[in-house]
Amino acid sequence: MKVTTTWTGGRAFTGKGDSGYEVNMDATEAYGGLGKGATPTEMLLSALAGCIGIDVTMILRPHLDKITKIDIETEGIRKEEPPKGFTNIVVTFTVDGEVDSKKVWRAIRLGEEKYCSVSDSLSADISYKLVLNGEEVAQ
């Protein structure tokens, strides 16, 4: 999977992945942005909710006709000092419908422990490369 993210001026970027969809990101005004898109950290929380949400709906597929609502709120607690990464993330599922809570909890646990690639990636090793004026530059 590959996503290309292009600077569009100021603090704004547009990302486009293999799916062909574009995502606009920008910093908040406090960091020199103009609010032209979601912040990258909002995107991270949204990606986590979307990933586990897809997994939960796949696992609960036999019960979806009895479920009328699934809302997922992700709340992240961040460090006070830069780089201000998340130290804790709470994911709250609000579900309405005729479904046993044990089945929903099972789906959430399976999503987290077995299927959600975003939550699994939050502990990934990250490396960086630099290509400057068409040539890769080593550190």
N, C-alpha and C. Protein backbone atom coordinates (compact mmCIF):
# COMPACT_ATOMS: atom_id res chain seq x y z
N MET A 1 0.85 -1.17 0.00
CA MET A 1 0.00 0.00 0.00
C MET A 1 0.89 1.23 0.00
N LYS A 2 0.47 2.23 -0.74
CA LYS A 2 1.26 3.44 -0.85
C LYS A 2 0.33 4.63 -0.87
N VAL A 3 0.69 5.68 -0.15
CA VAL A 3 -0.04 6.95 -0.16
C VAL A 3 0.96 8.04 -0.52
N THR A 4 0.60 8.88 -1.46
CA THR A 4 1.43 10.02 -1.82
C THR A 4 0.78 11.27 -1.24
N THR A 5 1.55 12.03 -0.48
CA THR A 5 1.04 13.22 0.18
C THR A 5 1.79 14.43 -0.38
N THR A 6 1.03 15.40 -0.90
CA THR A 6 1.60 16.53 -1.60
C THR A 6 1.30 17.83 -0.86
N TRP A 7 2.32 18.63 -0.70
CA TRP A 7 2.17 19.94 -0.09
C TRP A 7 1.37 20.84 -1.01
N THR A 8 0.34 21.51 -0.46
CA THR A 8 -0.51 22.38 -1.26
C THR A 8 -0.40 23.84 -0.83
N GLY A 9 0.64 24.15 -0.04
CA GLY A 9 0.87 25.52 0.41
C GLY A 9 0.62 25.68 1.90
N GLY A 10 1.30 26.64 2.48
CA GLY A 10 1.16 26.88 3.91
C GLY A 10 1.51 25.64 4.71
N ARG A 11 0.56 25.15 5.49
CA ARG A 11 0.74 23.92 6.26
C ARG A 11 -0.15 22.80 5.73
N ALA A 12 -0.75 23.01 4.56
CA ALA A 12 -1.75 22.08 4.02
C ALA A 12 -1.11 21.03 3.11
N PHE A 13 -1.68 19.81 3.17
CA PHE A 13 -1.24 18.69 2.35
C PHE A 13 -2.46 17.93 1.86
N THR A 14 -2.33 17.28 0.72
CA THR A 14 -3.36 16.38 0.22
C THR A 14 -2.73 15.01 0.03
N GLY A 15 -3.34 14.00 0.64
CA GLY A 15 -2.87 12.64 0.50
C GLY A 15 -3.78 11.86 -0.43
N LYS A 16 -3.16 10.99 -1.24
CA LYS A 16 -3.95 10.16 -2.15
C LYS A 16 -3.35 8.77 -2.17
N GLY A 17 -4.18 7.77 -1.89
CA GLY A 17 -3.72 6.39 -1.85
C GLY A 17 -4.17 5.59 -3.04
N ASP A 18 -3.90 4.29 -2.95
CA ASP A 18 -4.26 3.36 -4.02
C ASP A 18 -5.76 3.38 -4.33
N SER A 19 -6.58 3.74 -3.36
CA SER A 19 -8.03 3.78 -3.58
C SER A 19 -8.44 4.91 -4.52
N GLY A 20 -7.56 5.90 -4.67
CA GLY A 20 -7.86 7.04 -5.52
C GLY A 20 -8.52 8.20 -4.81
N TYR A 21 -8.90 8.00 -3.56
CA TYR A 21 -9.53 9.09 -2.80
C TYR A 21 -8.48 10.03 -2.24
N GLU A 22 -8.83 11.32 -2.21
CA GLU A 22 -7.95 12.32 -1.66
C GLU A 22 -8.41 12.71 -0.26
N VAL A 23 -7.43 13.02 0.58
CA VAL A 23 -7.70 13.45 1.95
C VAL A 23 -6.93 14.76 2.16
N ASN A 24 -7.64 15.79 2.57
CA ASN A 24 -7.00 17.08 2.84
C ASN A 24 -6.64 17.19 4.31
N MET A 25 -5.42 17.64 4.56
CA MET A 25 -4.94 17.83 5.92
C MET A 25 -4.36 19.23 6.05
N ASP A 26 -4.48 19.80 7.23
CA ASP A 26 -3.92 21.12 7.49
C ASP A 26 -3.67 21.23 8.99
N ALA A 27 -2.78 22.13 9.34
CA ALA A 27 -2.56 22.42 10.75
C ALA A 27 -3.67 23.35 11.24
N THR A 28 -3.83 23.40 12.53
CA THR A 28 -4.76 24.37 13.11
C THR A 28 -4.14 25.76 12.99
N GLU A 29 -4.94 26.78 13.21
CA GLU A 29 -4.43 28.15 13.13
C GLU A 29 -3.31 28.39 14.12
N ALA A 30 -3.35 27.72 15.26
CA ALA A 30 -2.30 27.88 16.27
C ALA A 30 -0.93 27.46 15.74
N TYR A 31 -0.92 26.60 14.73
CA TYR A 31 0.34 26.12 14.15
C TYR A 31 0.55 26.65 12.73
N GLY A 32 -0.15 27.73 12.37
CA GLY A 32 0.05 28.36 11.08
C GLY A 32 -0.82 27.82 9.95
N GLY A 33 -1.77 26.97 10.27
CA GLY A 33 -2.65 26.42 9.25
C GLY A 33 -3.86 27.30 9.01
N LEU A 34 -4.63 26.93 8.00
CA LEU A 34 -5.84 27.67 7.67
C LEU A 34 -7.10 26.82 7.85
N GLY A 35 -6.95 25.63 8.44
CA GLY A 35 -8.12 24.78 8.66
C GLY A 35 -8.71 24.24 7.38
N LYS A 36 -7.89 23.95 6.38
CA LYS A 36 -8.39 23.45 5.09
C LYS A 36 -8.60 21.94 5.10
N GLY A 37 -8.40 21.30 6.23
CA GLY A 37 -8.58 19.85 6.32
C GLY A 37 -8.40 19.40 7.75
N ALA A 38 -8.57 18.12 7.93
CA ALA A 38 -8.38 17.52 9.26
C ALA A 38 -6.89 17.57 9.63
N THR A 39 -6.61 17.63 10.91
CA THR A 39 -5.21 17.56 11.32
C THR A 39 -4.73 16.10 11.20
N PRO A 40 -3.44 15.89 11.03
CA PRO A 40 -2.94 14.52 10.95
C PRO A 40 -3.29 13.67 12.17
N THR A 41 -3.29 14.28 13.36
CA THR A 41 -3.63 13.49 14.55
C THR A 41 -5.11 13.15 14.58
N GLU A 42 -5.97 14.04 14.06
CA GLU A 42 -7.39 13.69 13.91
C GLU A 42 -7.53 12.53 12.93
N MET A 43 -6.75 12.56 11.86
CA MET A 43 -6.79 11.50 10.87
C MET A 43 -6.39 10.16 11.50
N LEU A 44 -5.39 10.19 12.38
CA LEU A 44 -4.94 8.97 13.03
C LEU A 44 -6.06 8.37 13.89
N LEU A 45 -6.72 9.22 14.68
CA LEU A 45 -7.83 8.73 15.50
C LEU A 45 -8.98 8.24 14.63
N SER A 46 -9.26 8.95 13.55
CA SER A 46 -10.31 8.55 12.63
C SER A 46 -9.97 7.23 11.95
N ALA A 47 -8.71 7.07 11.56
CA ALA A 47 -8.28 5.81 10.92
C ALA A 47 -8.44 4.64 11.88
N LEU A 48 -8.10 4.85 13.14
CA LEU A 48 -8.27 3.79 14.14
C LEU A 48 -9.74 3.41 14.26
N ALA A 49 -10.62 4.41 14.37
CA ALA A 49 -12.05 4.14 14.51
C ALA A 49 -12.60 3.47 13.26
N GLY A 50 -12.20 3.93 12.09
CA GLY A 50 -12.68 3.33 10.85
C GLY A 50 -12.23 1.89 10.70
N CYS A 51 -10.98 1.63 11.05
CA CYS A 51 -10.44 0.27 10.92
C CYS A 51 -11.17 -0.71 11.84
N ILE A 52 -11.25 -0.37 13.11
CA ILE A 52 -11.91 -1.29 14.04
C ILE A 52 -13.41 -1.35 13.76
N GLY A 53 -13.98 -0.24 13.27
CA GLY A 53 -15.40 -0.24 12.92
C GLY A 53 -15.70 -1.20 11.77
N ILE A 54 -14.85 -1.20 10.76
CA ILE A 54 -15.01 -2.14 9.64
C ILE A 54 -14.92 -3.57 10.16
N ASP A 55 -13.92 -3.83 11.01
CA ASP A 55 -13.77 -5.18 11.55
C ASP A 55 -14.99 -5.60 12.37
N VAL A 56 -15.47 -4.70 13.22
CA VAL A 56 -16.63 -5.01 14.07
C VAL A 56 -17.86 -5.30 13.20
N THR A 57 -18.09 -4.50 12.16
CA THR A 57 -19.27 -4.75 11.31
C THR A 57 -19.13 -6.06 10.53
N MET A 58 -17.90 -6.41 10.16
CA MET A 58 -17.71 -7.70 9.48
C MET A 58 -18.00 -8.86 10.43
N ILE A 59 -17.52 -8.75 11.66
CA ILE A 59 -17.73 -9.82 12.65
C ILE A 59 -19.20 -9.91 13.05
N LEU A 60 -19.86 -8.76 13.13
CA LEU A 60 -21.28 -8.73 13.52
C LEU A 60 -22.22 -8.85 12.33
N ARG A 61 -21.72 -9.17 11.17
CA ARG A 61 -22.53 -9.24 9.94
C ARG A 61 -23.86 -9.97 10.14
N PRO A 62 -23.91 -11.12 10.84
CA PRO A 62 -25.20 -11.80 11.00
C PRO A 62 -26.21 -11.01 11.84
N HIS A 63 -25.74 -9.98 12.56
CA HIS A 63 -26.62 -9.23 13.45
C HIS A 63 -26.87 -7.80 12.98
N LEU A 64 -26.28 -7.40 11.86
CA LEU A 64 -26.37 -6.01 11.43
C LEU A 64 -27.80 -5.56 11.13
N ASP A 65 -28.67 -6.49 10.74
CA ASP A 65 -30.06 -6.10 10.46
C ASP A 65 -30.80 -5.69 11.73
N LYS A 66 -30.24 -6.04 12.90
CA LYS A 66 -30.87 -5.68 14.17
C LYS A 66 -30.18 -4.47 14.82
N ILE A 67 -29.12 -3.97 14.20
CA ILE A 67 -28.38 -2.83 14.74
C ILE A 67 -28.79 -1.59 13.97
N THR A 68 -29.17 -0.53 14.69
CA THR A 68 -29.62 0.70 14.05
C THR A 68 -28.58 1.81 14.09
N LYS A 69 -27.56 1.66 14.94
CA LYS A 69 -26.55 2.72 15.05
C LYS A 69 -25.26 2.15 15.60
N ILE A 70 -24.16 2.56 15.00
CA ILE A 70 -22.84 2.32 15.56
C ILE A 70 -22.07 3.63 15.42
N ASP A 71 -21.79 4.28 16.52
CA ASP A 71 -20.93 5.47 16.55
C ASP A 71 -19.67 5.10 17.30
N ILE A 72 -18.54 5.59 16.83
CA ILE A 72 -17.27 5.29 17.48
C ILE A 72 -16.59 6.62 17.77
N GLU A 73 -16.33 6.87 19.05
CA GLU A 73 -15.62 8.07 19.46
C GLU A 73 -14.22 7.66 19.90
N THR A 74 -13.21 8.31 19.34
CA THR A 74 -11.84 8.05 19.75
C THR A 74 -11.31 9.31 20.41
N GLU A 75 -10.87 9.16 21.64
CA GLU A 75 -10.34 10.30 22.39
C GLU A 75 -8.90 10.00 22.77
N GLY A 76 -8.01 10.86 22.32
CA GLY A 76 -6.60 10.65 22.57
C GLY A 76 -6.06 11.64 23.59
N ILE A 77 -5.26 11.14 24.49
CA ILE A 77 -4.54 11.97 25.46
C ILE A 77 -3.11 12.10 24.94
N ARG A 78 -2.65 13.34 24.84
CA ARG A 78 -1.35 13.60 24.24
C ARG A 78 -0.34 14.09 25.27
N LYS A 79 0.92 13.87 24.95
CA LYS A 79 2.01 14.40 25.77
C LYS A 79 1.94 15.92 25.78
N GLU A 80 2.42 16.52 26.85
CA GLU A 80 2.44 17.98 26.96
C GLU A 80 3.54 18.60 26.11
N GLU A 81 4.65 17.90 25.96
CA GLU A 81 5.82 18.42 25.24
C GLU A 81 5.92 17.78 23.86
N PRO A 82 6.50 18.51 22.90
CA PRO A 82 6.70 17.93 21.56
C PRO A 82 7.52 16.65 21.64
N PRO A 83 7.17 15.65 20.86
CA PRO A 83 6.31 15.71 19.69
C PRO A 83 4.82 15.52 19.98
N LYS A 84 4.41 15.54 21.21
CA LYS A 84 2.99 15.50 21.60
C LYS A 84 2.23 14.30 21.05
N GLY A 85 2.89 13.15 21.00
CA GLY A 85 2.23 11.92 20.57
C GLY A 85 1.18 11.48 21.58
N PHE A 86 0.36 10.56 21.16
CA PHE A 86 -0.68 10.03 22.04
C PHE A 86 -0.06 9.09 23.07
N THR A 87 -0.45 9.27 24.32
CA THR A 87 -0.04 8.36 25.39
C THR A 87 -1.15 7.38 25.72
N ASN A 88 -2.37 7.75 25.38
CA ASN A 88 -3.52 6.91 25.70
C ASN A 88 -4.63 7.24 24.71
N ILE A 89 -5.31 6.22 24.21
CA ILE A 89 -6.45 6.42 23.32
C ILE A 89 -7.60 5.57 23.85
N VAL A 90 -8.74 6.22 24.04
CA VAL A 90 -9.95 5.52 24.48
C VAL A 90 -10.91 5.48 23.29
N VAL A 91 -11.36 4.29 22.94
CA VAL A 91 -12.29 4.09 21.83
C VAL A 91 -13.63 3.69 22.44
N THR A 92 -14.65 4.52 22.24
CA THR A 92 -15.97 4.27 22.80
C THR A 92 -16.95 3.93 21.67
N PHE A 93 -17.53 2.75 21.74
CA PHE A 93 -18.55 2.33 20.79
C PHE A 93 -19.92 2.63 21.39
N THR A 94 -20.76 3.33 20.66
CA THR A 94 -22.15 3.53 21.04
C THR A 94 -23.00 2.78 20.02
N VAL A 95 -23.66 1.74 20.49
CA VAL A 95 -24.41 0.84 19.61
C VAL A 95 -25.86 0.80 20.06
N ASP A 96 -26.76 0.95 19.11
CA ASP A 96 -28.19 0.80 19.37
C ASP A 96 -28.71 -0.38 18.56
N GLY A 97 -29.59 -1.16 19.19
CA GLY A 97 -30.21 -2.26 18.48
C GLY A 97 -30.37 -3.48 19.35
N GLU A 98 -30.95 -4.50 18.76
CA GLU A 98 -31.21 -5.75 19.45
C GLU A 98 -30.03 -6.70 19.25
N VAL A 99 -28.96 -6.46 20.00
CA VAL A 99 -27.77 -7.30 19.90
C VAL A 99 -27.20 -7.48 21.30
N ASP A 100 -26.73 -8.67 21.57
CA ASP A 100 -26.17 -9.02 22.88
C ASP A 100 -24.83 -8.31 23.07
N SER A 101 -24.65 -7.68 24.22
CA SER A 101 -23.41 -6.96 24.50
C SER A 101 -22.19 -7.87 24.42
N LYS A 102 -22.36 -9.15 24.76
CA LYS A 102 -21.23 -10.09 24.69
C LYS A 102 -20.75 -10.26 23.25
N LYS A 103 -21.67 -10.24 22.32
CA LYS A 103 -21.30 -10.36 20.90
C LYS A 103 -20.57 -9.11 20.42
N VAL A 104 -21.01 -7.96 20.88
CA VAL A 104 -20.33 -6.72 20.49
C VAL A 104 -18.94 -6.67 21.10
N TRP A 105 -18.83 -7.02 22.38
CA TRP A 105 -17.51 -7.03 23.03
C TRP A 105 -16.58 -8.04 22.35
N ARG A 106 -17.09 -9.18 21.97
CA ARG A 106 -16.28 -10.18 21.26
C ARG A 106 -15.76 -9.60 19.95
N ALA A 107 -16.64 -8.90 19.22
CA ALA A 107 -16.25 -8.30 17.95
C ALA A 107 -15.18 -7.22 18.16
N ILE A 108 -15.34 -6.41 19.20
CA ILE A 108 -14.34 -5.37 19.49
C ILE A 108 -13.00 -6.02 19.83
N ARG A 109 -13.01 -7.03 20.70
CA ARG A 109 -11.75 -7.71 21.08
C ARG A 109 -11.08 -8.35 19.88
N LEU A 110 -11.86 -9.04 19.04
CA LEU A 110 -11.28 -9.66 17.84
C LEU A 110 -10.70 -8.61 16.90
N GLY A 111 -11.43 -7.52 16.74
CA GLY A 111 -10.92 -6.44 15.90
C GLY A 111 -9.59 -5.93 16.41
N GLU A 112 -9.52 -5.67 17.70
CA GLU A 112 -8.29 -5.13 18.29
C GLU A 112 -7.15 -6.15 18.25
N GLU A 113 -7.42 -7.37 18.65
CA GLU A 113 -6.35 -8.35 18.83
C GLU A 113 -5.95 -9.07 17.54
N LYS A 114 -6.87 -9.17 16.57
CA LYS A 114 -6.60 -10.03 15.43
C LYS A 114 -6.66 -9.33 14.07
N TYR A 115 -7.52 -8.34 13.91
CA TYR A 115 -7.80 -7.83 12.57
C TYR A 115 -7.42 -6.38 12.29
N CYS A 116 -7.46 -5.50 13.27
CA CYS A 116 -7.28 -4.06 12.99
C CYS A 116 -5.81 -3.72 12.71
N SER A 117 -5.51 -3.48 11.44
CA SER A 117 -4.13 -3.18 11.05
C SER A 117 -3.68 -1.80 11.53
N VAL A 118 -4.60 -0.88 11.75
CA VAL A 118 -4.22 0.45 12.23
C VAL A 118 -3.74 0.37 13.68
N SER A 119 -4.51 -0.29 14.55
CA SER A 119 -4.06 -0.39 15.95
C SER A 119 -2.75 -1.17 16.04
N ASP A 120 -2.61 -2.19 15.20
CA ASP A 120 -1.37 -2.95 15.17
C ASP A 120 -0.20 -2.08 14.70
N SER A 121 -0.45 -1.16 13.80
CA SER A 121 0.59 -0.30 13.24
C SER A 121 1.04 0.80 14.18
N LEU A 122 0.25 1.09 15.20
CA LEU A 122 0.63 2.17 16.12
C LEU A 122 1.92 1.88 16.86
N SER A 123 2.37 0.64 16.85
CA SER A 123 3.65 0.31 17.48
C SER A 123 4.69 -0.06 16.43
N ALA A 124 4.46 0.31 15.18
CA ALA A 124 5.36 -0.04 14.08
C ALA A 124 6.68 0.72 14.18
N ASP A 125 7.75 0.09 13.68
CA ASP A 125 9.01 0.79 13.50
C ASP A 125 8.87 1.70 12.28
N ILE A 126 9.33 2.92 12.40
CA ILE A 126 9.24 3.88 11.30
C ILE A 126 10.65 4.30 10.92
N SER A 127 10.94 4.25 9.63
CA SER A 127 12.22 4.75 9.15
C SER A 127 11.96 5.84 8.12
N TYR A 128 12.96 6.67 7.89
CA TYR A 128 12.80 7.80 6.98
C TYR A 128 13.89 7.78 5.91
N LYS A 129 13.53 8.25 4.71
CA LYS A 129 14.46 8.42 3.61
C LYS A 129 14.30 9.85 3.11
N LEU A 130 15.36 10.38 2.50
CA LEU A 130 15.31 11.72 1.92
C LEU A 130 15.74 11.64 0.47
N VAL A 131 14.88 12.14 -0.44
CA VAL A 131 15.22 12.31 -1.84
C VAL A 131 15.21 13.81 -2.08
N LEU A 132 16.37 14.38 -2.33
CA LEU A 132 16.52 15.83 -2.51
C LEU A 132 16.96 16.10 -3.94
N ASN A 133 16.15 16.86 -4.64
CA ASN A 133 16.44 17.18 -6.04
C ASN A 133 16.69 15.93 -6.87
N GLY A 134 15.89 14.90 -6.63
CA GLY A 134 15.95 13.69 -7.44
C GLY A 134 16.95 12.65 -6.98
N GLU A 135 17.73 12.92 -5.95
CA GLU A 135 18.73 11.95 -5.49
C GLU A 135 18.52 11.62 -4.01
N GLU A 136 18.61 10.32 -3.71
CA GLU A 136 18.49 9.90 -2.32
C GLU A 136 19.74 10.32 -1.56
N VAL A 137 19.51 10.92 -0.39
CA VAL A 137 20.60 11.44 0.42
C VAL A 137 20.61 10.67 1.74
N ALA A 138 21.75 10.08 2.06
CA ALA A 138 21.88 9.34 3.30
C ALA A 138 22.07 10.32 4.47
N GLN A 139 21.76 9.85 5.64
CA GLN A 139 21.96 10.68 6.85
C GLN A 139 23.42 10.83 7.17
